[in-house]
Amino acid sequence: NINTIGYKRDDVVIGDFERIFKQTHDELPLK
């Protein structure tokens, strides 16, 4: 889509589950 008028590029964020777990583990239903 490099020549598509008005097109906005997409991108991704790559991480891993363990990092996400550390950020949200307090919200998990089990200790």
Full PDB file with SEQRES, HELIX, SHEET, SSBOND, CRYST1, ORIGX, SCALE, CONECT and MASTER records, all heavy atoms in Angstrom:
SEQRES   1 A   31  ASN ILE ASN THR ILE GLY TYR LYS ARG ASP ASP VAL VAL          
SEQRES   2 A   31  ILE GLY ASP PHE GLU ARG ILE PHE LYS GLN THR HIS ASP          
SEQRES   3 A   31  GLU LEU PRO LEU LYS                                          
HELIX    1 AA1 PHE A   17  THR A   24  1                                   8    
HELIX    2 AA2 HIS A   25  GLU A   27  5                                   3    
CRYST1    1.000    1.000    1.000  90.00  90.00  90.00 P 1           1          
ORIGX1      1.000000  0.000000  0.000000        0.00000                         
ORIGX2      0.000000  1.000000  0.000000        0.00000                         
ORIGX3      0.000000  0.000000  1.000000        0.00000                         
SCALE1      1.000000  0.000000  0.000000        0.00000                         
SCALE2      0.000000  1.000000  0.000000        0.00000                         
SCALE3      0.000000  0.000000  1.000000        0.00000                         
ATOM      1  N   ASN A   1       0.813  -1.225   0.000  1.00  0.00           N  
ATOM      2  CA  ASN A   1       0.000   0.000   0.000  1.00  0.00           C  
ATOM      3  C   ASN A   1       0.841   1.268   0.000  1.00  0.00           C  
ATOM      4  O   ASN A   1       0.343   2.330   0.365  1.00  0.00           O  
ATOM      5  CB  ASN A   1      -0.929   0.001   1.218  1.00  0.00           C  
ATOM      6  CG  ASN A   1      -2.070  -0.969   1.083  1.00  0.00           C  
ATOM      7  OD1 ASN A   1      -3.070  -0.688   0.428  1.00  0.00           O  
ATOM      8  ND2 ASN A   1      -1.925  -2.132   1.699  1.00  0.00           N  
ATOM      9  N   ILE A   2       2.079   1.153  -0.444  1.00  0.00           N  
ATOM     10  CA  ILE A   2       2.971   2.308  -0.396  1.00  0.00           C  
ATOM     11  C   ILE A   2       2.475   3.446  -1.292  1.00  0.00           C  
ATOM     12  O   ILE A   2       2.769   4.622  -1.047  1.00  0.00           O  
ATOM     13  CB  ILE A   2       4.410   1.885  -0.783  1.00  0.00           C  
ATOM     14  CG1 ILE A   2       5.409   2.965  -0.381  1.00  0.00           C  
ATOM     15  CG2 ILE A   2       4.504   1.543  -2.261  1.00  0.00           C  
ATOM     16  CD1 ILE A   2       6.848   2.513  -0.471  1.00  0.00           C  
ATOM     17  N   ASN A   3       1.694   3.123  -2.320  1.00  0.00           N  
ATOM     18  CA  ASN A   3       1.166   4.148  -3.221  1.00  0.00           C  
ATOM     19  C   ASN A   3      -0.334   4.393  -3.025  1.00  0.00           C  
ATOM     20  O   ASN A   3      -0.959   5.067  -3.839  1.00  0.00           O  
ATOM     21  CB  ASN A   3       1.422   3.755  -4.681  1.00  0.00           C  
ATOM     22  CG  ASN A   3       2.903   3.769  -5.029  1.00  0.00           C  
ATOM     23  OD1 ASN A   3       3.633   4.668  -4.628  1.00  0.00           O  
ATOM     24  ND2 ASN A   3       3.353   2.768  -5.768  1.00  0.00           N  
ATOM     25  N   THR A   4      -0.896   3.848  -1.954  1.00  0.00           N  
ATOM     26  CA  THR A   4      -2.320   4.046  -1.670  1.00  0.00           C  
ATOM     27  C   THR A   4      -2.521   5.376  -0.967  1.00  0.00           C  
ATOM     28  O   THR A   4      -1.950   5.619   0.101  1.00  0.00           O  
ATOM     29  CB  THR A   4      -2.860   2.902  -0.796  1.00  0.00           C  
ATOM     30  OG1 THR A   4      -2.672   1.658  -1.463  1.00  0.00           O  
ATOM     31  CG2 THR A   4      -4.336   3.096  -0.507  1.00  0.00           C  
ATOM     32  N   ILE A   5      -3.328   6.231  -1.554  1.00  0.00           N  
ATOM     33  CA  ILE A   5      -3.556   7.567  -0.997  1.00  0.00           C  
ATOM     34  C   ILE A   5      -4.218   7.447   0.379  1.00  0.00           C  
ATOM     35  O   ILE A   5      -5.216   6.752   0.549  1.00  0.00           O  
ATOM     36  CB  ILE A   5      -4.429   8.409  -1.934  1.00  0.00           C  
ATOM     37  CG1 ILE A   5      -3.694   8.653  -3.258  1.00  0.00           C  
ATOM     38  CG2 ILE A   5      -4.819   9.737  -1.288  1.00  0.00           C  
ATOM     39  CD1 ILE A   5      -4.521   9.355  -4.298  1.00  0.00           C  
ATOM     40  N   GLY A   6      -3.645   8.147   1.356  1.00  0.00           N  
ATOM     41  CA  GLY A   6      -4.219   8.182   2.695  1.00  0.00           C  
ATOM     42  C   GLY A   6      -3.957   6.958   3.541  1.00  0.00           C  
ATOM     43  O   GLY A   6      -4.438   6.878   4.674  1.00  0.00           O  
ATOM     44  N   TYR A   7      -3.169   5.993   3.031  1.00  0.00           N  
ATOM     45  CA  TYR A   7      -2.935   4.767   3.795  1.00  0.00           C  
ATOM     46  C   TYR A   7      -2.033   5.049   4.997  1.00  0.00           C  
ATOM     47  O   TYR A   7      -1.066   5.807   4.909  1.00  0.00           O  
ATOM     48  CB  TYR A   7      -2.285   3.701   2.915  1.00  0.00           C  
ATOM     49  CG  TYR A   7      -1.985   2.414   3.644  1.00  0.00           C  
ATOM     50  CD1 TYR A   7      -2.978   1.464   3.860  1.00  0.00           C  
ATOM     51  CD2 TYR A   7      -0.711   2.155   4.143  1.00  0.00           C  
ATOM     52  CE1 TYR A   7      -2.713   0.288   4.526  1.00  0.00           C  
ATOM     53  CE2 TYR A   7      -0.435   0.981   4.818  1.00  0.00           C  
ATOM     54  CZ  TYR A   7      -1.437   0.045   5.011  1.00  0.00           C  
ATOM     55  OH  TYR A   7      -1.170  -1.113   5.692  1.00  0.00           O  
ATOM     56  N   LYS A   8      -2.347   4.410   6.125  1.00  0.00           N  
ATOM     57  CA  LYS A   8      -1.548   4.516   7.342  1.00  0.00           C  
ATOM     58  C   LYS A   8      -0.961   3.154   7.685  1.00  0.00           C  
ATOM     59  O   LYS A   8      -1.680   2.148   7.741  1.00  0.00           O  
ATOM     60  CB  LYS A   8      -2.401   5.029   8.512  1.00  0.00           C  
ATOM     61  CG  LYS A   8      -3.056   6.380   8.246  1.00  0.00           C  
ATOM     62  CD  LYS A   8      -2.025   7.464   7.951  1.00  0.00           C  
ATOM     63  CE  LYS A   8      -2.684   8.793   7.644  1.00  0.00           C  
ATOM     64  NZ  LYS A   8      -1.690   9.833   7.274  1.00  0.00           N  
ATOM     65  N   ARG A   9       0.336   3.127   7.900  1.00  0.00           N  
ATOM     66  CA  ARG A   9       1.043   1.869   8.098  1.00  0.00           C  
ATOM     67  C   ARG A   9       0.660   1.211   9.420  1.00  0.00           C  
ATOM     68  O   ARG A   9       0.306   1.875  10.405  1.00  0.00           O  
ATOM     69  CB  ARG A   9       2.562   2.092   8.056  1.00  0.00           C  
ATOM     70  CG  ARG A   9       3.100   2.952   9.192  1.00  0.00           C  
ATOM     71  CD  ARG A   9       4.606   3.152   9.064  1.00  0.00           C  
ATOM     72  NE  ARG A   9       5.317   1.895   9.234  1.00  0.00           N  
ATOM     73  CZ  ARG A   9       5.722   1.441  10.415  1.00  0.00           C  
ATOM     74  NH1 ARG A   9       5.490   2.112  11.536  1.00  0.00           N  
ATOM     75  NH2 ARG A   9       6.384   0.308  10.490  1.00  0.00           N  
ATOM     76  N   ASP A  10       0.773  -0.102   9.442  1.00  0.00           N  
ATOM     77  CA  ASP A  10       0.570  -0.887  10.659  1.00  0.00           C  
ATOM     78  C   ASP A  10       1.929  -1.339  11.197  1.00  0.00           C  
ATOM     79  O   ASP A  10       2.911  -1.431  10.462  1.00  0.00           O  
ATOM     80  CB  ASP A  10      -0.300  -2.118  10.378  1.00  0.00           C  
ATOM     81  CG  ASP A  10      -1.754  -1.767  10.199  1.00  0.00           C  
ATOM     82  OD1 ASP A  10      -2.193  -0.760  10.779  1.00  0.00           O  
ATOM     83  OD2 ASP A  10      -2.459  -2.495   9.477  1.00  0.00           O  
ATOM     84  N   ASP A  11       1.949  -1.640  12.469  1.00  0.00           N  
ATOM     85  CA  ASP A  11       3.159  -2.184  13.087  1.00  0.00           C  
ATOM     86  C   ASP A  11       2.729  -3.089  14.229  1.00  0.00           C  
ATOM     87  O   ASP A  11       1.553  -3.110  14.620  1.00  0.00           O  
ATOM     88  CB  ASP A  11       4.072  -1.060  13.592  1.00  0.00           C  
ATOM     89  CG  ASP A  11       5.529  -1.490  13.642  1.00  0.00           C  
ATOM     90  OD1 ASP A  11       5.796  -2.712  13.575  1.00  0.00           O  
ATOM     91  OD2 ASP A  11       6.412  -0.621  13.744  1.00  0.00           O  
ATOM     92  N   VAL A  12       3.668  -3.859  14.759  1.00  0.00           N  
ATOM     93  CA  VAL A  12       3.364  -4.782  15.845  1.00  0.00           C  
ATOM     94  C   VAL A  12       4.310  -4.551  17.010  1.00  0.00           C  
ATOM     95  O   VAL A  12       5.429  -4.054  16.851  1.00  0.00           O  
ATOM     96  CB  VAL A  12       3.469  -6.259  15.384  1.00  0.00           C  
ATOM     97  CG1 VAL A  12       2.421  -6.564  14.337  1.00  0.00           C  
ATOM     98  CG2 VAL A  12       4.868  -6.569  14.859  1.00  0.00           C  
ATOM     99  N   VAL A  13       3.835  -4.917  18.194  1.00  0.00           N  
ATOM    100  CA  VAL A  13       4.663  -4.937  19.402  1.00  0.00           C  
ATOM    101  C   VAL A  13       4.873  -6.393  19.770  1.00  0.00           C  
ATOM    102  O   VAL A  13       3.901  -7.149  19.923  1.00  0.00           O  
ATOM    103  CB  VAL A  13       3.989  -4.192  20.566  1.00  0.00           C  
ATOM    104  CG1 VAL A  13       4.834  -4.295  21.819  1.00  0.00           C  
ATOM    105  CG2 VAL A  13       3.760  -2.731  20.197  1.00  0.00           C  
ATOM    106  N   ILE A  14       6.119  -6.810  19.871  1.00  0.00           N  
ATOM    107  CA  ILE A  14       6.445  -8.205  20.190  1.00  0.00           C  
ATOM    108  C   ILE A  14       6.925  -8.296  21.626  1.00  0.00           C  
ATOM    109  O   ILE A  14       7.812  -7.548  22.055  1.00  0.00           O  
ATOM    110  CB  ILE A  14       7.520  -8.748  19.224  1.00  0.00           C  
ATOM    111  CG1 ILE A  14       6.965  -8.768  17.793  1.00  0.00           C  
ATOM    112  CG2 ILE A  14       7.972 -10.145  19.637  1.00  0.00           C  
ATOM    113  CD1 ILE A  14       7.950  -9.236  16.755  1.00  0.00           C  
ATOM    114  N   GLY A  15       6.314  -9.188  22.395  1.00  0.00           N  
ATOM    115  CA  GLY A  15       6.706  -9.405  23.780  1.00  0.00           C  
ATOM    116  C   GLY A  15       6.636 -10.882  24.097  1.00  0.00           C  
ATOM    117  O   GLY A  15       6.606 -11.729  23.218  1.00  0.00           O  
ATOM    118  N   ASP A  16       6.603 -11.226  25.391  1.00  0.00           N  
ATOM    119  CA  ASP A  16       6.468 -12.624  25.788  1.00  0.00           C  
ATOM    120  C   ASP A  16       5.487 -12.708  26.949  1.00  0.00           C  
ATOM    121  O   ASP A  16       5.231 -11.730  27.651  1.00  0.00           O  
ATOM    122  CB  ASP A  16       7.812 -13.240  26.165  1.00  0.00           C  
ATOM    123  CG  ASP A  16       8.482 -12.521  27.313  1.00  0.00           C  
ATOM    124  OD1 ASP A  16       8.031 -12.695  28.457  1.00  0.00           O  
ATOM    125  OD2 ASP A  16       9.439 -11.775  27.065  1.00  0.00           O  
ATOM    126  N   PHE A  17       4.934 -13.910  27.136  1.00  0.00           N  
ATOM    127  CA  PHE A  17       3.886 -14.084  28.123  1.00  0.00           C  
ATOM    128  C   PHE A  17       4.376 -13.785  29.536  1.00  0.00           C  
ATOM    129  O   PHE A  17       3.638 -13.244  30.357  1.00  0.00           O  
ATOM    130  CB  PHE A  17       3.334 -15.509  28.055  1.00  0.00           C  
ATOM    131  CG  PHE A  17       2.242 -15.767  29.055  1.00  0.00           C  
ATOM    132  CD1 PHE A  17       0.949 -15.378  28.790  1.00  0.00           C  
ATOM    133  CD2 PHE A  17       2.523 -16.386  30.264  1.00  0.00           C  
ATOM    134  CE1 PHE A  17      -0.061 -15.604  29.717  1.00  0.00           C  
ATOM    135  CE2 PHE A  17       1.518 -16.612  31.191  1.00  0.00           C  
ATOM    136  CZ  PHE A  17       0.226 -16.223  30.923  1.00  0.00           C  
ATOM    137  N   GLU A  18       5.607 -14.137  29.845  1.00  0.00           N  
ATOM    138  CA  GLU A  18       6.098 -13.950  31.206  1.00  0.00           C  
ATOM    139  C   GLU A  18       6.113 -12.481  31.591  1.00  0.00           C  
ATOM    140  O   GLU A  18       5.768 -12.115  32.712  1.00  0.00           O  
ATOM    141  CB  GLU A  18       7.501 -14.537  31.349  1.00  0.00           C  
ATOM    142  CG  GLU A  18       7.993 -14.510  32.796  1.00  0.00           C  
ATOM    143  CD  GLU A  18       9.285 -15.289  32.963  1.00  0.00           C  
ATOM    144  OE1 GLU A  18       9.851 -15.725  31.951  1.00  0.00           O  
ATOM    145  OE2 GLU A  18       9.711 -15.448  34.112  1.00  0.00           O  
ATOM    146  N   ARG A  19       6.481 -11.597  30.626  1.00  0.00           N  
ATOM    147  CA  ARG A  19       6.478 -10.160  30.924  1.00  0.00           C  
ATOM    148  C   ARG A  19       5.050  -9.667  31.165  1.00  0.00           C  
ATOM    149  O   ARG A  19       4.798  -8.907  32.099  1.00  0.00           O  
ATOM    150  CB  ARG A  19       7.097  -9.386  29.751  1.00  0.00           C  
ATOM    151  CG  ARG A  19       7.115  -7.883  29.963  1.00  0.00           C  
ATOM    152  CD  ARG A  19       7.707  -7.180  28.756  1.00  0.00           C  
ATOM    153  NE  ARG A  19       6.876  -7.365  27.586  1.00  0.00           N  
ATOM    154  CZ  ARG A  19       5.784  -6.640  27.328  1.00  0.00           C  
ATOM    155  NH1 ARG A  19       5.398  -5.697  28.177  1.00  0.00           N  
ATOM    156  NH2 ARG A  19       5.079  -6.852  26.241  1.00  0.00           N  
ATOM    157  N   ILE A  20       4.122 -10.139  30.330  1.00  0.00           N  
ATOM    158  CA  ILE A  20       2.725  -9.749  30.509  1.00  0.00           C  
ATOM    159  C   ILE A  20       2.197 -10.272  31.843  1.00  0.00           C  
ATOM    160  O   ILE A  20       1.459  -9.582  32.553  1.00  0.00           O  
ATOM    161  CB  ILE A  20       1.874 -10.289  29.351  1.00  0.00           C  
ATOM    162  CG1 ILE A  20       2.393  -9.732  28.009  1.00  0.00           C  
ATOM    163  CG2 ILE A  20       0.408  -9.931  29.526  1.00  0.00           C  
ATOM    164  CD1 ILE A  20       1.741 -10.370  26.807  1.00  0.00           C  
ATOM    165  N   PHE A  21       2.614 -11.495  32.194  1.00  0.00           N  
ATOM    166  CA  PHE A  21       2.171 -12.090  33.455  1.00  0.00           C  
ATOM    167  C   PHE A  21       2.611 -11.248  34.641  1.00  0.00           C  
ATOM    168  O   PHE A  21       1.842 -11.003  35.571  1.00  0.00           O  
ATOM    169  CB  PHE A  21       2.733 -13.512  33.572  1.00  0.00           C  
ATOM    170  CG  PHE A  21       2.440 -14.179  34.889  1.00  0.00           C  
ATOM    171  CD1 PHE A  21       1.223 -14.804  35.109  1.00  0.00           C  
ATOM    172  CD2 PHE A  21       3.376 -14.158  35.908  1.00  0.00           C  
ATOM    173  CE1 PHE A  21       0.955 -15.403  36.323  1.00  0.00           C  
ATOM    174  CE2 PHE A  21       3.122 -14.756  37.122  1.00  0.00           C  
ATOM    175  CZ  PHE A  21       1.905 -15.380  37.326  1.00  0.00           C  
ATOM    176  N   LYS A  22       3.836 -10.776  34.622  1.00  0.00           N  
ATOM    177  CA  LYS A  22       4.347  -9.974  35.725  1.00  0.00           C  
ATOM    178  C   LYS A  22       3.583  -8.664  35.874  1.00  0.00           C  
ATOM    179  O   LYS A  22       3.433  -8.133  36.968  1.00  0.00           O  
ATOM    180  CB  LYS A  22       5.836  -9.690  35.516  1.00  0.00           C  
ATOM    181  CG  LYS A  22       6.718 -10.925  35.702  1.00  0.00           C  
ATOM    182  CD  LYS A  22       8.184 -10.590  35.440  1.00  0.00           C  
ATOM    183  CE  LYS A  22       9.062 -11.824  35.609  1.00  0.00           C  
ATOM    184  NZ  LYS A  22      10.489 -11.537  35.332  1.00  0.00           N  
ATOM    185  N   GLN A  23       3.084  -8.140  34.744  1.00  0.00           N  
ATOM    186  CA  GLN A  23       2.362  -6.878  34.771  1.00  0.00           C  
ATOM    187  C   GLN A  23       0.931  -7.044  35.280  1.00  0.00           C  
ATOM    188  O   GLN A  23       0.359  -6.112  35.847  1.00  0.00           O  
ATOM    189  CB  GLN A  23       2.325  -6.261  33.366  1.00  0.00           C  
ATOM    190  CG  GLN A  23       3.696  -5.826  32.858  1.00  0.00           C  
ATOM    191  CD  GLN A  23       3.642  -5.336  31.421  1.00  0.00           C  
ATOM    192  OE1 GLN A  23       2.643  -5.510  30.740  1.00  0.00           O  
ATOM    193  NE2 GLN A  23       4.717  -4.728  30.973  1.00  0.00           N  
ATOM    194  N   THR A  24       0.359  -8.237  35.080  1.00  0.00           N  
ATOM    195  CA  THR A  24      -1.070  -8.422  35.364  1.00  0.00           C  
ATOM    196  C   THR A  24      -1.363  -9.551  36.339  1.00  0.00           C  
ATOM    197  O   THR A  24      -2.528  -9.916  36.507  1.00  0.00           O  
ATOM    198  CB  THR A  24      -1.840  -8.701  34.048  1.00  0.00           C  
ATOM    199  OG1 THR A  24      -1.323  -9.886  33.450  1.00  0.00           O  
ATOM    200  CG2 THR A  24      -1.699  -7.533  33.079  1.00  0.00           C  
ATOM    201  N   HIS A  25      -0.332 -10.105  37.005  1.00  0.00           N  
ATOM    202  CA  HIS A  25      -0.573 -11.295  37.821  1.00  0.00           C  
ATOM    203  C   HIS A  25      -1.509 -11.027  39.000  1.00  0.00           C  
ATOM    204  O   HIS A  25      -2.192 -11.932  39.485  1.00  0.00           O  
ATOM    205  CB  HIS A  25       0.751 -11.880  38.332  1.00  0.00           C  
ATOM    206  CG  HIS A  25       1.428 -11.056  39.372  1.00  0.00           C  
ATOM    207  ND1 HIS A  25       2.200  -9.959  39.054  1.00  0.00           N  
ATOM    208  CD2 HIS A  25       1.442 -11.151  40.734  1.00  0.00           C  
ATOM    209  CE1 HIS A  25       2.676  -9.420  40.165  1.00  0.00           C  
ATOM    210  NE2 HIS A  25       2.224 -10.114  41.189  1.00  0.00           N  
ATOM    211  N   ASP A  26      -1.587  -9.767  39.469  1.00  0.00           N  
ATOM    212  CA  ASP A  26      -2.476  -9.456  40.588  1.00  0.00           C  
ATOM    213  C   ASP A  26      -3.953  -9.585  40.207  1.00  0.00           C  
ATOM    214  O   ASP A  26      -4.817  -9.699  41.076  1.00  0.00           O  
ATOM    215  CB  ASP A  26      -2.218  -8.037  41.097  1.00  0.00           C  
ATOM    216  CG  ASP A  26      -0.868  -7.928  41.799  1.00  0.00           C  
ATOM    217  OD1 ASP A  26      -0.378  -8.972  42.278  1.00  0.00           O  
ATOM    218  OD2 ASP A  26      -0.306  -6.820  41.858  1.00  0.00           O  
ATOM    219  N   GLU A  27      -4.244  -9.563  38.904  1.00  0.00           N  
ATOM    220  CA  GLU A  27      -5.623  -9.660  38.443  1.00  0.00           C  
ATOM    221  C   GLU A  27      -6.040 -11.099  38.165  1.00  0.00           C  
ATOM    222  O   GLU A  27      -7.223 -11.354  37.883  1.00  0.00           O  
ATOM    223  CB  GLU A  27      -5.806  -8.824  37.170  1.00  0.00           C  
ATOM    224  CG  GLU A  27      -5.457  -7.352  37.363  1.00  0.00           C  
ATOM    225  CD  GLU A  27      -5.494  -6.578  36.057  1.00  0.00           C  
ATOM    226  OE1 GLU A  27      -5.942  -7.166  35.048  1.00  0.00           O  
ATOM    227  OE2 GLU A  27      -5.080  -5.411  36.043  1.00  0.00           O  
ATOM    228  N   LEU A  28      -5.101 -12.027  38.242  1.00  0.00           N  
ATOM    229  CA  LEU A  28      -5.427 -13.427  37.978  1.00  0.00           C  
ATOM    230  C   LEU A  28      -6.272 -13.993  39.124  1.00  0.00           C  
ATOM    231  O   LEU A  28      -6.146 -13.563  40.274  1.00  0.00           O  
ATOM    232  CB  LEU A  28      -4.155 -14.248  37.806  1.00  0.00           C  
ATOM    233  CG  LEU A  28      -3.338 -13.930  36.552  1.00  0.00           C  
ATOM    234  CD1 LEU A  28      -2.035 -14.710  36.573  1.00  0.00           C  
ATOM    235  CD2 LEU A  28      -4.123 -14.267  35.290  1.00  0.00           C  
ATOM    236  N   PRO A  29      -7.131 -14.963  38.835  1.00  0.00           N  
ATOM    237  CA  PRO A  29      -8.045 -15.481  39.864  1.00  0.00           C  
ATOM    238  C   PRO A  29      -7.373 -16.343  40.925  1.00  0.00           C  
ATOM    239  O   PRO A  29      -7.956 -16.584  41.970  1.00  0.00           O  
ATOM    240  CB  PRO A  29      -9.052 -16.306  39.049  1.00  0.00           C  
ATOM    241  CG  PRO A  29      -8.288 -16.719  37.831  1.00  0.00           C  
ATOM    242  CD  PRO A  29      -7.361 -15.576  37.525  1.00  0.00           C  
ATOM    243  N   LEU A  30      -6.137 -16.812  40.669  1.00  0.00           N  
ATOM    244  CA  LEU A  30      -5.468 -17.717  41.601  1.00  0.00           C  
ATOM    245  C   LEU A  30      -4.150 -17.129  42.072  1.00  0.00           C  
ATOM    246  O   LEU A  30      -3.443 -16.469  41.311  1.00  0.00           O  
ATOM    247  CB  LEU A  30      -5.207 -19.074  40.929  1.00  0.00           C  
ATOM    248  CG  LEU A  30      -6.458 -19.799  40.401  1.00  0.00           C  
ATOM    249  CD1 LEU A  30      -6.041 -21.012  39.598  1.00  0.00           C  
ATOM    250  CD2 LEU A  30      -7.359 -20.198  41.551  1.00  0.00           C  
ATOM    251  N   LYS A  31      -3.816 -17.370  43.315  1.00  0.00           N  
ATOM    252  CA  LYS A  31      -2.549 -16.882  43.864  1.00  0.00           C  
ATOM    253  C   LYS A  31      -1.379 -17.695  43.305  1.00  0.00           C  
ATOM    254  O   LYS A  31      -1.519 -18.860  42.940  1.00  0.00           O  
ATOM    255  CB  LYS A  31      -2.567 -16.996  45.394  1.00  0.00           C  
ATOM    256  CG  LYS A  31      -3.637 -16.132  46.046  1.00  0.00           C  
ATOM    257  CD  LYS A  31      -3.414 -14.654  45.783  1.00  0.00           C  
ATOM    258  CE  LYS A  31      -4.462 -13.810  46.489  1.00  0.00           C  
ATOM    259  NZ  LYS A  31      -4.274 -12.360  46.216  1.00  0.00           N  
TER     260      LYS A  31                                                      
MASTER        0    0    0    2    0    0    0    6  259    1    0    3          
END                                                                             
